[in-house]
Amino acid sequence: MAIHTVSLQSLGLALDAQGQIEITGLALDNRHIKAGDLFAALPGSAVHGARFAPAAIDAGAVAVLTDAAGMAEISGVDPAKIVIAHDVRASFARAAALFYGGQPKTMVAVTGTNGKTSISSFCRQIWTELEKQAVNIGTTGVEGAFTTPLRHTTPDTLTLHRVLSEAKSAGITHAAMEASSHGLDQRRLDGVRIKAAGFANFTQDHLDYHKTFDAYFQAKAGLFDRVLPDDGTAVINIDDPALNTFADQLIARGIRTIRMGHDVRAELRIEGARFDGLGQDVRFTYQGKTYQKRLNLIGGFQAGNVLMAALLV
């Protein structure tokens, strides 16, 4: 197997010292270092990863990426081997995207307190019906035309970009991702090239991590503030008052925004549904036309999930 060798400069990382360092791999855990790796020393909840930089160098790492706080903790490592980044998580995510290179051509992501797994799965199912090679990535691992298990809803940066590259190599052209608030806050999705992003709903959760309701919301908003490109599409369920206001903010920024829900301002408006023991008949309007579709799914919320998926793809 050929060794993949790249310069730090080609990954958007610059050293203060003269000269250039070439690497052959990336690592987040000093216990898994291989010779030639770049070790990312990231801030942690208990200790800073910079504490393990000397051990990483001893194990064969040729450079360390960290932030100013991490640099202050490092001793016994040649400063010429240390790259300091203002936002080290974002810098490492972009470096991982460049190192692994490939991603499916068409990618979308969805965030929200609930419904992420269903919506990303529905995206994949719609693409599959359209004869696309598709996967969904999240709580259930990687499902579809390419499969692999995952430990987290939004995988760590290295795992995510490696899996995306492997999926592309396997012929995957379309992928839908769950974007958790933890993953967004930790910049794991930075470097992922999405064409559309959905915000399904927003209720109180994960305050053990985010501490405040506003911090939780801002973490999720990062999908649209950082990851979604200016020419991408935002799909927002405006039945939630906070998301109604957020949609207005996106529109004011010039982001193509499709509002959905029961609200009269929604571009896709759910008019109602008739339920039976096997599913529901959903009536909705979109682009001036009224539709009625059968969904063999129990629960009114699933109509919103399916329709958001249809708008994302």
Protein backbone atom coordinates (compact mmCIF):
# COMPACT_ATOMS: atom_id res chain seq x y z
CA MET A 1 0.00 0.00 0.00
CA ALA A 2 1.45 3.37 -1.04
CA ILE A 3 2.23 5.83 1.74
CA HIS A 4 0.29 9.09 1.47
CA THR A 5 2.77 11.91 2.08
CA VAL A 6 1.73 15.57 2.19
CA SER A 7 3.20 18.79 3.50
CA LEU A 8 1.66 20.70 6.38
CA GLN A 9 1.42 23.71 4.08
CA SER A 10 -0.79 21.76 1.67
CA LEU A 11 -3.18 21.14 4.58
CA GLY A 12 -3.44 24.84 5.32
CA LEU A 13 -1.09 24.63 8.29
CA ALA A 14 1.90 26.94 8.57
CA LEU A 15 4.98 26.69 10.76
CA ASP A 16 6.72 29.76 12.10
CA ALA A 17 10.08 28.10 11.53
CA GLN A 18 11.79 27.97 8.16
CA GLY A 19 11.45 24.80 6.12
CA GLN A 20 8.56 22.43 5.72
CA ILE A 21 7.47 19.23 7.42
CA GLU A 22 5.89 16.35 5.54
CA ILE A 23 3.48 13.97 7.25
CA THR A 24 2.08 10.56 6.40
CA GLY A 25 -0.88 10.45 8.77
CA LEU A 26 -3.08 12.21 11.33
CA ALA A 27 -3.74 11.28 14.94
CA LEU A 28 -5.95 12.48 17.79
CA ASP A 29 -4.76 9.93 20.38
CA ASN A 30 -1.10 9.74 21.36
CA ARG A 31 -1.57 6.01 22.06
CA HIS A 32 -2.29 5.41 18.37
CA ILE A 33 0.59 7.39 16.88
CA LYS A 34 2.42 6.03 13.86
CA ALA A 35 5.75 7.28 12.55
CA GLY A 36 5.21 10.36 10.40
CA ASP A 37 1.91 11.44 11.98
CA LEU A 38 0.68 14.93 12.78
CA PHE A 39 -0.65 14.86 16.35
CA ALA A 40 -3.61 17.14 17.05
CA ALA A 41 -3.41 18.30 20.67
CA LEU A 42 -6.93 19.57 21.29
CA PRO A 43 -8.49 21.13 24.40
CA GLY A 44 -10.46 18.57 26.40
CA SER A 45 -13.11 18.68 29.10
CA ALA A 46 -10.64 17.54 31.78
CA VAL A 47 -7.12 18.06 30.40
CA HIS A 48 -5.59 19.65 27.32
CA GLY A 49 -4.30 17.21 24.72
CA ALA A 50 -1.06 19.19 24.66
CA ARG A 51 -0.08 17.33 27.83
CA PHE A 52 0.48 14.27 25.66
CA ALA A 53 2.52 16.01 22.96
CA PRO A 54 5.93 14.80 24.23
CA ALA A 55 4.67 11.20 24.27
CA ALA A 56 3.34 11.63 20.73
CA ILE A 57 6.70 12.92 19.49
CA ASP A 58 8.49 10.04 21.25
CA ALA A 59 6.11 7.62 19.50
CA GLY A 60 7.01 8.98 16.05
CA ALA A 61 4.86 12.05 15.42
CA VAL A 62 6.75 14.62 13.36
CA ALA A 63 4.62 17.65 14.26
CA VAL A 64 2.02 18.85 16.77
CA LEU A 65 -1.01 21.02 16.04
CA THR A 66 -2.41 22.90 19.03
CA ASP A 67 -3.69 26.28 20.22
CA ALA A 68 -2.06 28.97 22.34
CA ALA A 69 -3.28 27.39 25.58
CA GLY A 70 -1.83 24.06 24.48
CA MET A 71 1.47 25.63 23.53
CA ALA A 72 1.77 26.99 27.06
CA GLU A 73 1.49 23.44 28.43
CA ILE A 74 4.03 21.81 26.11
CA SER A 75 7.59 21.27 27.30
CA GLY A 76 10.36 19.15 25.87
CA VAL A 77 9.19 19.46 22.25
CA ASP A 78 11.13 21.35 19.57
CA PRO A 79 9.09 24.53 18.89
CA ALA A 80 9.91 24.11 15.20
CA LYS A 81 7.61 21.06 15.22
CA ILE A 82 4.60 22.88 16.71
CA VAL A 83 1.85 24.55 14.69
CA ILE A 84 -0.36 26.97 16.63
CA ALA A 85 -3.91 27.63 15.40
CA HIS A 86 -6.45 30.12 16.75
CA ASP A 87 -9.31 27.60 16.33
CA VAL A 88 -7.41 24.33 16.48
CA ARG A 89 -10.48 22.10 16.09
CA ALA A 90 -11.58 23.87 12.91
CA SER A 91 -8.03 23.88 11.53
CA PHE A 92 -7.66 20.16 12.18
CA ALA A 93 -11.03 19.37 10.59
CA ARG A 94 -10.10 21.25 7.42
CA ALA A 95 -6.69 19.57 7.40
CA ALA A 96 -8.36 16.14 7.70
CA ALA A 97 -10.68 16.98 4.79
CA LEU A 98 -7.69 17.91 2.63
CA PHE A 99 -5.62 14.91 3.76
CA TYR A 100 -8.30 12.32 2.98
CA GLY A 101 -9.46 14.24 -0.07
CA GLY A 102 -12.59 12.52 -1.27
CA GLN A 103 -16.22 13.07 -0.30
CA PRO A 104 -19.45 12.02 -2.00
CA LYS A 105 -20.38 14.62 -4.61
CA THR A 106 -23.77 15.45 -3.08
CA MET A 107 -23.95 15.85 0.69
CA VAL A 108 -26.61 17.22 3.03
CA ALA A 109 -26.76 17.52 6.82
CA VAL A 110 -29.59 17.86 9.31
CA THR A 111 -29.65 19.09 12.88
CA GLY A 112 -32.38 19.35 15.50
CA THR A 113 -33.15 17.98 18.94
CA ASN A 114 -35.22 15.15 17.47
CA GLY A 115 -35.68 13.51 14.07
CA LYS A 116 -32.12 13.65 12.71
CA THR A 117 -31.83 9.89 12.26
CA SER A 118 -35.20 9.57 10.51
CA ILE A 119 -34.61 12.52 8.19
CA SER A 120 -31.13 11.42 7.12
CA SER A 121 -32.43 7.88 6.56
CA PHE A 122 -35.34 9.20 4.47
CA CYS A 123 -32.86 11.22 2.36
CA ARG A 124 -30.92 8.04 1.64
CA GLN A 125 -34.10 6.10 0.83
CA ILE A 126 -35.29 8.79 -1.59
CA TRP A 127 -31.92 8.82 -3.37
CA THR A 128 -31.94 5.03 -3.55
CA GLU A 129 -35.37 5.13 -5.21
CA LEU A 130 -33.82 7.57 -7.72
CA GLU A 131 -31.11 4.94 -8.38
CA LYS A 132 -28.34 6.90 -6.66
CA GLN A 133 -25.56 5.24 -4.67
CA ALA A 134 -26.39 6.71 -1.27
CA VAL A 135 -25.72 6.43 2.47
CA ASN A 136 -26.87 8.06 5.68
CA ILE A 137 -24.38 8.71 8.48
CA GLY A 138 -25.23 9.05 12.15
CA THR A 139 -26.62 7.26 15.19
CA THR A 140 -27.11 3.99 13.30
CA GLY A 141 -23.62 4.09 11.77
CA VAL A 142 -23.23 4.30 8.01
CA GLU A 143 -26.20 2.71 6.24
CA GLY A 144 -26.96 2.15 2.59
CA ALA A 145 -24.82 1.15 -0.36
CA PHE A 146 -21.74 1.32 1.90
CA THR A 147 -21.83 0.35 5.58
CA THR A 148 -19.61 0.70 8.64
CA PRO A 149 -20.31 1.08 12.39
CA LEU A 150 -19.71 4.37 14.23
CA ARG A 151 -19.33 5.21 17.92
CA HIS A 152 -20.98 8.64 17.86
CA THR A 153 -23.89 10.37 16.11
CA THR A 154 -21.38 12.74 14.53
CA PRO A 155 -18.06 10.85 14.34
CA ASP A 156 -14.80 12.44 15.42
CA THR A 157 -13.06 14.49 12.74
CA LEU A 158 -10.62 11.80 11.66
CA THR A 159 -13.21 9.04 11.47
CA LEU A 160 -15.68 11.24 9.61
CA HIS A 161 -13.32 12.35 6.86
CA ARG A 162 -11.82 8.87 6.51
CA VAL A 163 -15.29 7.34 6.16
CA LEU A 164 -16.35 9.97 3.62
CA SER A 165 -13.25 9.23 1.56
CA GLU A 166 -13.84 5.48 1.77
CA ALA A 167 -17.49 5.96 0.79
CA LYS A 168 -16.52 7.95 -2.28
CA SER A 169 -13.95 5.30 -3.23
CA ALA A 170 -16.71 2.69 -2.92
CA GLY A 171 -18.80 4.59 -5.46
CA ILE A 172 -21.07 6.54 -3.11
CA THR A 173 -22.29 9.75 -4.74
CA HIS A 174 -24.90 10.93 -2.21
CA ALA A 175 -24.71 11.15 1.60
CA ALA A 176 -26.95 12.54 4.35
CA MET A 177 -25.45 13.29 7.75
CA GLU A 178 -26.78 13.83 11.24
CA ALA A 179 -25.21 16.96 12.73
CA SER A 180 -25.28 16.75 16.53
CA SER A 181 -24.78 19.81 18.71
CA HIS A 182 -21.68 18.20 20.24
CA GLY A 183 -20.21 17.51 16.80
CA LEU A 184 -20.93 21.02 15.59
CA ASP A 185 -19.57 22.66 18.74
CA GLN A 186 -16.37 20.62 18.40
CA ARG A 187 -16.05 21.56 14.71
CA ARG A 188 -16.18 17.93 13.54
CA LEU A 189 -18.17 18.84 10.41
CA ASP A 190 -15.90 21.69 9.35
CA GLY A 191 -14.44 20.77 5.98
CA VAL A 192 -17.51 18.74 4.94
CA ARG A 193 -18.86 20.11 1.66
CA ILE A 194 -22.66 20.13 1.93
CA LYS A 195 -25.17 21.54 -0.53
CA ALA A 196 -28.10 21.74 1.88
CA ALA A 197 -28.78 21.78 5.61
CA GLY A 198 -31.95 21.17 7.59
CA PHE A 199 -33.06 22.34 11.06
CA ALA A 200 -35.87 20.05 12.20
CA ASN A 201 -36.80 21.37 15.66
CA PHE A 202 -35.33 22.79 18.82
CA THR A 203 -36.19 21.84 22.41
CA GLN A 204 -34.23 21.80 25.65
CA ASP A 205 -31.57 19.08 25.78
CA HIS A 206 -27.84 18.51 26.40
CA LEU A 207 -27.57 21.35 28.92
CA ASP A 208 -25.10 19.19 30.86
CA TYR A 209 -22.70 19.90 27.98
CA HIS A 210 -23.77 23.29 26.61
CA LYS A 211 -24.72 24.79 30.02
CA THR A 212 -27.20 27.31 28.58
CA PHE A 213 -30.11 27.15 26.14
CA ASP A 214 -28.51 29.87 24.02
CA ALA A 215 -25.19 28.02 23.80
CA TYR A 216 -27.08 24.89 22.71
CA PHE A 217 -28.87 26.84 19.98
CA GLN A 218 -25.69 28.55 18.79
CA ALA A 219 -23.97 25.16 18.49
CA LYS A 220 -26.71 23.94 16.16
CA ALA A 221 -26.76 27.24 14.27
CA GLY A 222 -23.10 26.59 13.45
CA LEU A 223 -24.27 24.19 10.74
CA PHE A 224 -25.61 27.21 8.86
CA ASP A 225 -23.08 29.81 10.02
CA ARG A 226 -19.91 27.83 9.22
CA VAL A 227 -20.58 24.60 7.33
CA LEU A 228 -23.30 25.52 4.82
CA PRO A 229 -21.76 27.51 1.93
CA ASP A 230 -23.23 30.83 0.83
CA ASP A 231 -24.75 29.16 -2.25
CA GLY A 232 -26.26 26.30 -0.25
CA THR A 233 -29.90 25.75 0.71
CA ALA A 234 -31.35 25.90 4.22
CA VAL A 235 -34.53 23.97 5.03
CA ILE A 236 -36.10 25.17 8.29
CA ASN A 237 -39.15 23.89 10.18
CA ILE A 238 -40.68 27.19 11.26
CA ASP A 239 -43.38 25.67 13.48
CA ASP A 240 -40.84 26.31 16.25
CA PRO A 241 -40.84 30.06 17.11
CA ALA A 242 -37.05 30.12 17.54
CA LEU A 243 -36.58 28.56 14.12
CA ASN A 244 -39.10 30.96 12.57
CA THR A 245 -36.88 33.84 13.67
CA PHE A 246 -33.75 31.97 12.61
CA ALA A 247 -35.17 31.46 9.11
CA ASP A 248 -35.72 35.22 8.84
CA GLN A 249 -32.07 35.76 9.78
CA LEU A 250 -30.88 33.34 7.10
CA ILE A 251 -33.05 35.05 4.48
CA ALA A 252 -31.63 38.44 5.53
CA ARG A 253 -28.13 37.01 4.97
CA GLY A 254 -29.06 36.02 1.44
CA ILE A 255 -29.12 32.27 2.09
CA ARG A 256 -31.63 30.39 -0.06
CA THR A 257 -34.10 29.30 2.61
CA ILE A 258 -37.10 26.99 2.31
CA ARG A 259 -39.46 27.29 5.25
CA MET A 260 -41.70 24.32 6.03
CA GLY A 261 -44.35 23.40 8.58
CA HIS A 262 -47.93 24.37 9.37
CA ASP A 263 -47.17 28.11 9.56
CA VAL A 264 -48.85 30.24 6.87
CA ARG A 265 -45.46 31.70 5.85
CA ALA A 266 -44.03 28.29 4.97
CA GLU A 267 -43.06 27.67 1.34
CA LEU A 268 -44.01 24.04 1.99
CA ARG A 269 -47.09 24.14 4.17
CA ILE A 270 -48.55 21.03 5.77
CA GLU A 271 -52.33 21.49 5.58
CA GLY A 272 -53.36 18.40 7.50
CA ALA A 273 -53.38 14.62 7.67
CA ARG A 274 -55.84 11.76 7.99
CA PHE A 275 -54.59 8.84 10.09
CA ASP A 276 -55.41 5.14 10.19
CA GLY A 277 -53.83 2.09 11.75
CA LEU A 278 -51.22 1.73 9.00
CA GLY A 279 -50.17 5.30 8.36
CA GLN A 280 -51.47 8.64 7.15
CA ASP A 281 -52.61 10.63 4.13
CA VAL A 282 -50.81 13.98 4.20
CA ARG A 283 -52.03 17.10 2.44
CA PHE A 284 -49.56 19.92 1.76
CA THR A 285 -48.95 22.84 -0.59
CA TYR A 286 -45.69 23.69 -2.33
CA GLN A 287 -44.90 26.16 -5.09
CA GLY A 288 -48.57 27.01 -5.57
CA LYS A 289 -49.77 23.42 -5.90
CA THR A 290 -51.61 21.20 -3.43
CA TYR A 291 -50.62 17.56 -3.00
CA GLN A 292 -51.96 14.60 -1.07
CA LYS A 293 -49.59 11.71 -0.46
CA ARG A 294 -49.84 8.42 1.36
CA LEU A 295 -47.20 7.68 4.02
CA ASN A 296 -47.12 4.24 5.61
CA LEU A 297 -45.66 5.75 8.77
CA ILE A 298 -47.27 6.16 12.19
CA GLY A 299 -47.04 9.57 13.87
CA GLY A 300 -47.79 13.01 12.51
CA PHE A 301 -44.21 14.15 13.13
CA GLN A 302 -43.00 11.67 10.52
CA ALA A 303 -44.76 13.63 7.78
CA GLY A 304 -42.56 16.61 8.64
CA ASN A 305 -39.48 14.39 8.65
CA VAL A 306 -40.24 12.93 5.22
CA LEU A 307 -41.05 16.32 3.71
CA MET A 308 -37.85 17.87 5.09
CA ALA A 309 -35.88 15.00 3.56
CA ALA A 310 -37.60 15.57 0.21
CA LEU A 311 -36.63 19.26 0.31
CA LEU A 312 -33.03 18.47 1.25
CA VAL A 313 -32.43 16.08 -1.62
